[in-house]
């Protein structure tokens, strides 16, 4: 299990044809691999820093001992599980109910709400963000231009002003 102490990282898996499928973005305080703390299994996900990042890692046995000594940590871990599940469900709904353009705009609005401002910085490379949203990089770029043409956003490199 790892905890992001500082920075950002992407979590991804590899498809059968070897392509990266981005599952999420980790930020300060986020945990990855906690599902393996309770069931001995092989982790099929990969974590890669997308900027300078510090991580803390702990093995299964040591963490289980720590949980027994620190009950509050169990509650924090459950809270983290809950947040992760909500994010997975939200992304699943976006993928299943919205077209590519709507998905991008919904993601940008979520990012703006999360950061508390209309101008947001894309955390991932466009190809990784496209993978996360379940679209091709070419479609991502094309739809981003359409959103800008529609007056929904302004693009300045990696910075995007979301007009609400």
C-alpha atoms as a PDB file:
ATOM      1  CA  UNK A   1       0.000   0.000   0.000  1.00  0.00           C
ATOM      2  CA  UNK A   2       1.194   3.519  -0.714  1.00  0.00           C
ATOM      3  CA  UNK A   3       0.116   6.927   0.554  1.00  0.00           C
ATOM      4  CA  UNK A   4       0.805  10.068  -1.455  1.00  0.00           C
ATOM      5  CA  UNK A   5       2.636  12.461   0.862  1.00  0.00           C
ATOM      6  CA  UNK A   6       3.198  15.160  -1.739  1.00  0.00           C
ATOM      7  CA  UNK A   7       2.583  15.533  -5.475  1.00  0.00           C
ATOM      8  CA  UNK A   8       0.314  13.673  -7.886  1.00  0.00           C
ATOM      9  CA  UNK A   9       0.334  10.269  -9.547  1.00  0.00           C
ATOM     10  CA  UNK A  10      -1.837   8.342 -11.962  1.00  0.00           C
ATOM     11  CA  UNK A  11      -3.135   4.843 -11.312  1.00  0.00           C
ATOM     12  CA  UNK A  12      -3.438   2.694 -14.387  1.00  0.00           C
ATOM     13  CA  UNK A  13      -3.850  -0.845 -15.607  1.00  0.00           C
ATOM     14  CA  UNK A  14      -2.784  -2.409 -18.888  1.00  0.00           C
ATOM     15  CA  UNK A  15      -5.341  -3.659 -21.393  1.00  0.00           C
ATOM     16  CA  UNK A  16      -4.863  -6.983 -23.167  1.00  0.00           C
ATOM     17  CA  UNK A  17      -3.197  -5.171 -26.055  1.00  0.00           C
ATOM     18  CA  UNK A  18      -0.783  -3.391 -23.691  1.00  0.00           C
ATOM     19  CA  UNK A  19      -2.404   0.055 -23.692  1.00  0.00           C
ATOM     20  CA  UNK A  20      -2.629   2.074 -20.486  1.00  0.00           C
ATOM     21  CA  UNK A  21      -6.108   2.463 -19.028  1.00  0.00           C
ATOM     22  CA  UNK A  22      -6.003   5.309 -16.503  1.00  0.00           C
ATOM     23  CA  UNK A  23      -8.145   4.511 -13.467  1.00  0.00           C
ATOM     24  CA  UNK A  24      -7.610   7.617 -11.396  1.00  0.00           C
ATOM     25  CA  UNK A  25      -5.456  10.422 -10.118  1.00  0.00           C
ATOM     26  CA  UNK A  26      -3.862  10.349  -6.678  1.00  0.00           C
ATOM     27  CA  UNK A  27      -3.113  13.511  -4.701  1.00  0.00           C
ATOM     28  CA  UNK A  28      -1.710  14.340  -1.277  1.00  0.00           C
ATOM     29  CA  UNK A  29      -3.278  12.020   1.305  1.00  0.00           C
ATOM     30  CA  UNK A  30      -4.675   9.534  -1.208  1.00  0.00           C
ATOM     31  CA  UNK A  31      -4.075   5.820  -0.732  1.00  0.00           C
ATOM     32  CA  UNK A  32      -3.573   3.121  -3.346  1.00  0.00           C
ATOM     33  CA  UNK A  33      -3.479  -0.608  -2.775  1.00  0.00           C
ATOM     34  CA  UNK A  34      -5.566  -0.681   0.399  1.00  0.00           C
ATOM     35  CA  UNK A  35      -7.732  -3.461  -1.052  1.00  0.00           C
ATOM     36  CA  UNK A  36      -4.731  -5.802  -0.722  1.00  0.00           C
ATOM     37  CA  UNK A  37      -4.407  -5.163   3.003  1.00  0.00           C
ATOM     38  CA  UNK A  38      -7.290  -7.484   3.792  1.00  0.00           C
ATOM     39  CA  UNK A  39      -7.038 -10.082   1.060  1.00  0.00           C
ATOM     40  CA  UNK A  40      -3.772 -11.554  -0.118  1.00  0.00           C
ATOM     41  CA  UNK A  41      -3.776 -10.905  -3.855  1.00  0.00           C
ATOM     42  CA  UNK A  42      -1.538  -9.584  -6.569  1.00  0.00           C
ATOM     43  CA  UNK A  43      -1.853  -5.905  -7.411  1.00  0.00           C
ATOM     44  CA  UNK A  44      -2.611  -5.471 -11.100  1.00  0.00           C
ATOM     45  CA  UNK A  45      -2.529  -1.668 -11.029  1.00  0.00           C
ATOM     46  CA  UNK A  46       0.463   0.553 -11.595  1.00  0.00           C
ATOM     47  CA  UNK A  47       1.173   3.958 -10.072  1.00  0.00           C
ATOM     48  CA  UNK A  48       3.262   6.558 -11.887  1.00  0.00           C
ATOM     49  CA  UNK A  49       4.142  10.049 -10.673  1.00  0.00           C
ATOM     50  CA  UNK A  50       2.941  12.824 -12.981  1.00  0.00           C
ATOM     51  CA  UNK A  51       4.940  15.468 -11.098  1.00  0.00           C
ATOM     52  CA  UNK A  52       7.525  15.417  -8.317  1.00  0.00           C
ATOM     53  CA  UNK A  53       5.931  13.096  -5.781  1.00  0.00           C
ATOM     54  CA  UNK A  54       6.759  11.682  -2.362  1.00  0.00           C
ATOM     55  CA  UNK A  55       5.131   8.432  -1.312  1.00  0.00           C
ATOM     56  CA  UNK A  56       5.085   6.351   1.835  1.00  0.00           C
ATOM     57  CA  UNK A  57       4.696   2.604   1.555  1.00  0.00           C
ATOM     58  CA  UNK A  58       3.838  -0.001   4.139  1.00  0.00           C
ATOM     59  CA  UNK A  59       3.493  -3.755   3.850  1.00  0.00           C
ATOM     60  CA  UNK A  60       0.360  -5.681   4.719  1.00  0.00           C
ATOM     61  CA  UNK A  61       1.495  -7.216   8.047  1.00  0.00           C
ATOM     62  CA  UNK A  62       2.861  -3.946   9.435  1.00  0.00           C
ATOM     63  CA  UNK A  63      -0.257  -2.040   8.454  1.00  0.00           C
ATOM     64  CA  UNK A  64      -2.573  -4.601  10.045  1.00  0.00           C
ATOM     65  CA  UNK A  65      -0.608  -4.265  13.309  1.00  0.00           C
ATOM     66  CA  UNK A  66      -0.889  -0.488  13.046  1.00  0.00           C
ATOM     67  CA  UNK A  67      -4.672  -0.742  12.561  1.00  0.00           C
ATOM     68  CA  UNK A  68      -4.979  -2.822  15.745  1.00  0.00           C
ATOM     69  CA  UNK A  69      -3.034  -0.215  17.721  1.00  0.00           C
ATOM     70  CA  UNK A  70      -4.772   2.797  16.156  1.00  0.00           C
ATOM     71  CA  UNK A  71      -8.559   2.329  15.766  1.00  0.00           C
ATOM     72  CA  UNK A  72      -8.988   5.886  14.413  1.00  0.00           C
ATOM     73  CA  UNK A  73      -6.865   4.866  11.450  1.00  0.00           C
ATOM     74  CA  UNK A  74      -9.456   2.211  10.568  1.00  0.00           C
ATOM     75  CA  UNK A  75     -12.132   4.907  10.320  1.00  0.00           C
ATOM     76  CA  UNK A  76      -9.905   7.044   8.108  1.00  0.00           C
ATOM     77  CA  UNK A  77      -9.239   4.047   5.876  1.00  0.00           C
ATOM     78  CA  UNK A  78     -12.981   3.334   5.591  1.00  0.00           C
ATOM     79  CA  UNK A  79     -13.560   6.995   4.722  1.00  0.00           C
ATOM     80  CA  UNK A  80     -10.906   6.713   2.008  1.00  0.00           C
ATOM     81  CA  UNK A  81     -12.564   3.543   0.670  1.00  0.00           C
ATOM     82  CA  UNK A  82     -15.884   5.388   0.549  1.00  0.00           C
ATOM     83  CA  UNK A  83     -14.452   8.377  -1.320  1.00  0.00           C
ATOM     84  CA  UNK A  84     -12.764   6.068  -3.801  1.00  0.00           C
ATOM     85  CA  UNK A  85     -15.986   4.119  -4.383  1.00  0.00           C
ATOM     86  CA  UNK A  86     -17.985   7.318  -4.951  1.00  0.00           C
ATOM     87  CA  UNK A  87     -15.378   8.507  -7.488  1.00  0.00           C
ATOM     88  CA  UNK A  88     -15.461   5.171  -9.331  1.00  0.00           C
ATOM     89  CA  UNK A  89     -19.272   5.218  -9.442  1.00  0.00           C
ATOM     90  CA  UNK A  90     -19.280   8.840 -10.650  1.00  0.00           C
ATOM     91  CA  UNK A  91     -16.798   8.087 -13.433  1.00  0.00           C
ATOM     92  CA  UNK A  92     -18.813   5.011 -14.431  1.00  0.00           C
ATOM     93  CA  UNK A  93     -21.997   7.079 -14.703  1.00  0.00           C
ATOM     94  CA  UNK A  94     -20.172   9.703 -16.794  1.00  0.00           C
ATOM     95  CA  UNK A  95     -18.853   7.045 -19.169  1.00  0.00           C
ATOM     96  CA  UNK A  96     -22.232   5.344 -19.507  1.00  0.00           C
ATOM     97  CA  UNK A  97     -24.544   8.348 -19.838  1.00  0.00           C
ATOM     98  CA  UNK A  98     -22.625  11.208 -21.458  1.00  0.00           C
ATOM     99  CA  UNK A  99     -21.064  11.615 -24.875  1.00  0.00           C
ATOM    100  CA  UNK A 100     -17.366  12.528 -25.153  1.00  0.00           C
ATOM    101  CA  UNK A 101     -17.899  16.299 -25.175  1.00  0.00           C
ATOM    102  CA  UNK A 102     -20.244  16.203 -22.171  1.00  0.00           C
ATOM    103  CA  UNK A 103     -17.816  13.900 -20.326  1.00  0.00           C
ATOM    104  CA  UNK A 104     -14.945  16.338 -20.798  1.00  0.00           C
ATOM    105  CA  UNK A 105     -17.050  19.283 -19.638  1.00  0.00           C
ATOM    106  CA  UNK A 106     -18.328  17.340 -16.613  1.00  0.00           C
ATOM    107  CA  UNK A 107     -14.748  16.402 -15.697  1.00  0.00           C
ATOM    108  CA  UNK A 108     -13.600  20.030 -16.017  1.00  0.00           C
ATOM    109  CA  UNK A 109     -16.543  21.239 -13.901  1.00  0.00           C
ATOM    110  CA  UNK A 110     -15.733  18.611 -11.256  1.00  0.00           C
ATOM    111  CA  UNK A 111     -12.098  19.737 -11.283  1.00  0.00           C
ATOM    112  CA  UNK A 112     -13.123  23.399 -10.973  1.00  0.00           C
ATOM    113  CA  UNK A 113     -15.428  22.570  -8.043  1.00  0.00           C
ATOM    114  CA  UNK A 114     -12.704  20.507  -6.384  1.00  0.00           C
ATOM    115  CA  UNK A 115     -10.127  23.290  -6.765  1.00  0.00           C
ATOM    116  CA  UNK A 116     -12.622  26.041  -5.894  1.00  0.00           C
ATOM    117  CA  UNK A 117     -11.854  28.149  -8.964  1.00  0.00           C
ATOM    118  CA  UNK A 118     -12.836  28.377 -12.616  1.00  0.00           C
ATOM    119  CA  UNK A 119      -9.308  28.272 -14.008  1.00  0.00           C
ATOM    120  CA  UNK A 120      -7.906  24.769 -13.590  1.00  0.00           C
ATOM    121  CA  UNK A 121      -4.687  23.082 -14.571  1.00  0.00           C
ATOM    122  CA  UNK A 122      -4.907  19.722 -16.326  1.00  0.00           C
ATOM    123  CA  UNK A 123      -3.262  17.266 -13.946  1.00  0.00           C
ATOM    124  CA  UNK A 124      -2.473  14.676 -16.585  1.00  0.00           C
ATOM    125  CA  UNK A 125      -1.163  14.620 -20.119  1.00  0.00           C
ATOM    126  CA  UNK A 126      -4.014  14.799 -22.603  1.00  0.00           C
ATOM    127  CA  UNK A 127      -3.508  11.159 -23.648  1.00  0.00           C
ATOM    128  CA  UNK A 128      -3.821  10.034 -20.010  1.00  0.00           C
ATOM    129  CA  UNK A 129      -6.862  12.210 -19.394  1.00  0.00           C
ATOM    130  CA  UNK A 130      -8.474  10.833 -22.555  1.00  0.00           C
ATOM    131  CA  UNK A 131      -7.844   7.301 -21.283  1.00  0.00           C
ATOM    132  CA  UNK A 132      -9.372   8.188 -17.904  1.00  0.00           C
ATOM    133  CA  UNK A 133     -12.480   9.533 -19.654  1.00  0.00           C
ATOM    134  CA  UNK A 134     -12.737   6.522 -21.961  1.00  0.00           C
ATOM    135  CA  UNK A 135     -12.050   8.342 -25.236  1.00  0.00           C
ATOM    136  CA  UNK A 136      -9.175   8.527 -27.695  1.00  0.00           C
ATOM    137  CA  UNK A 137      -6.610  11.356 -27.483  1.00  0.00           C
ATOM    138  CA  UNK A 138      -7.703  12.558 -30.933  1.00  0.00           C
ATOM    139  CA  UNK A 139     -11.349  12.762 -29.824  1.00  0.00           C
ATOM    140  CA  UNK A 140     -10.292  14.518 -26.609  1.00  0.00           C
ATOM    141  CA  UNK A 141      -8.415  17.232 -28.546  1.00  0.00           C
ATOM    142  CA  UNK A 142     -11.231  17.666 -31.070  1.00  0.00           C
ATOM    143  CA  UNK A 143     -13.941  17.934 -28.391  1.00  0.00           C
ATOM    144  CA  UNK A 144     -11.822  20.335 -26.324  1.00  0.00           C
ATOM    145  CA  UNK A 145     -11.641  22.637 -29.375  1.00  0.00           C
ATOM    146  CA  UNK A 146     -15.414  22.302 -29.851  1.00  0.00           C
ATOM    147  CA  UNK A 147     -16.030  23.255 -26.214  1.00  0.00           C
ATOM    148  CA  UNK A 148     -13.812  26.297 -26.684  1.00  0.00           C
ATOM    149  CA  UNK A 149     -15.638  27.235 -29.909  1.00  0.00           C
ATOM    150  CA  UNK A 150     -18.970  26.842 -28.061  1.00  0.00           C
ATOM    151  CA  UNK A 151     -17.753  29.345 -25.446  1.00  0.00           C
ATOM    152  CA  UNK A 152     -17.861  26.788 -22.606  1.00  0.00           C
ATOM    153  CA  UNK A 153     -14.113  26.942 -21.912  1.00  0.00           C
ATOM    154  CA  UNK A 154     -10.942  28.872 -22.766  1.00  0.00           C
ATOM    155  CA  UNK A 155      -7.789  26.826 -23.275  1.00  0.00           C
ATOM    156  CA  UNK A 156      -4.341  28.225 -22.454  1.00  0.00           C
ATOM    157  CA  UNK A 157      -1.965  25.275 -22.764  1.00  0.00           C
ATOM    158  CA  UNK A 158      -2.532  23.073 -19.700  1.00  0.00           C
ATOM    159  CA  UNK A 159      -4.695  25.757 -18.076  1.00  0.00           C
ATOM    160  CA  UNK A 160      -8.410  25.806 -18.825  1.00  0.00           C
ATOM    161  CA  UNK A 161     -10.890  28.474 -17.799  1.00  0.00           C
ATOM    162  CA  UNK A 162     -14.265  26.818 -17.242  1.00  0.00           C
ATOM    163  CA  UNK A 163     -17.087  29.262 -17.957  1.00  0.00           C
ATOM    164  CA  UNK A 164     -20.089  28.586 -15.749  1.00  0.00           C
END
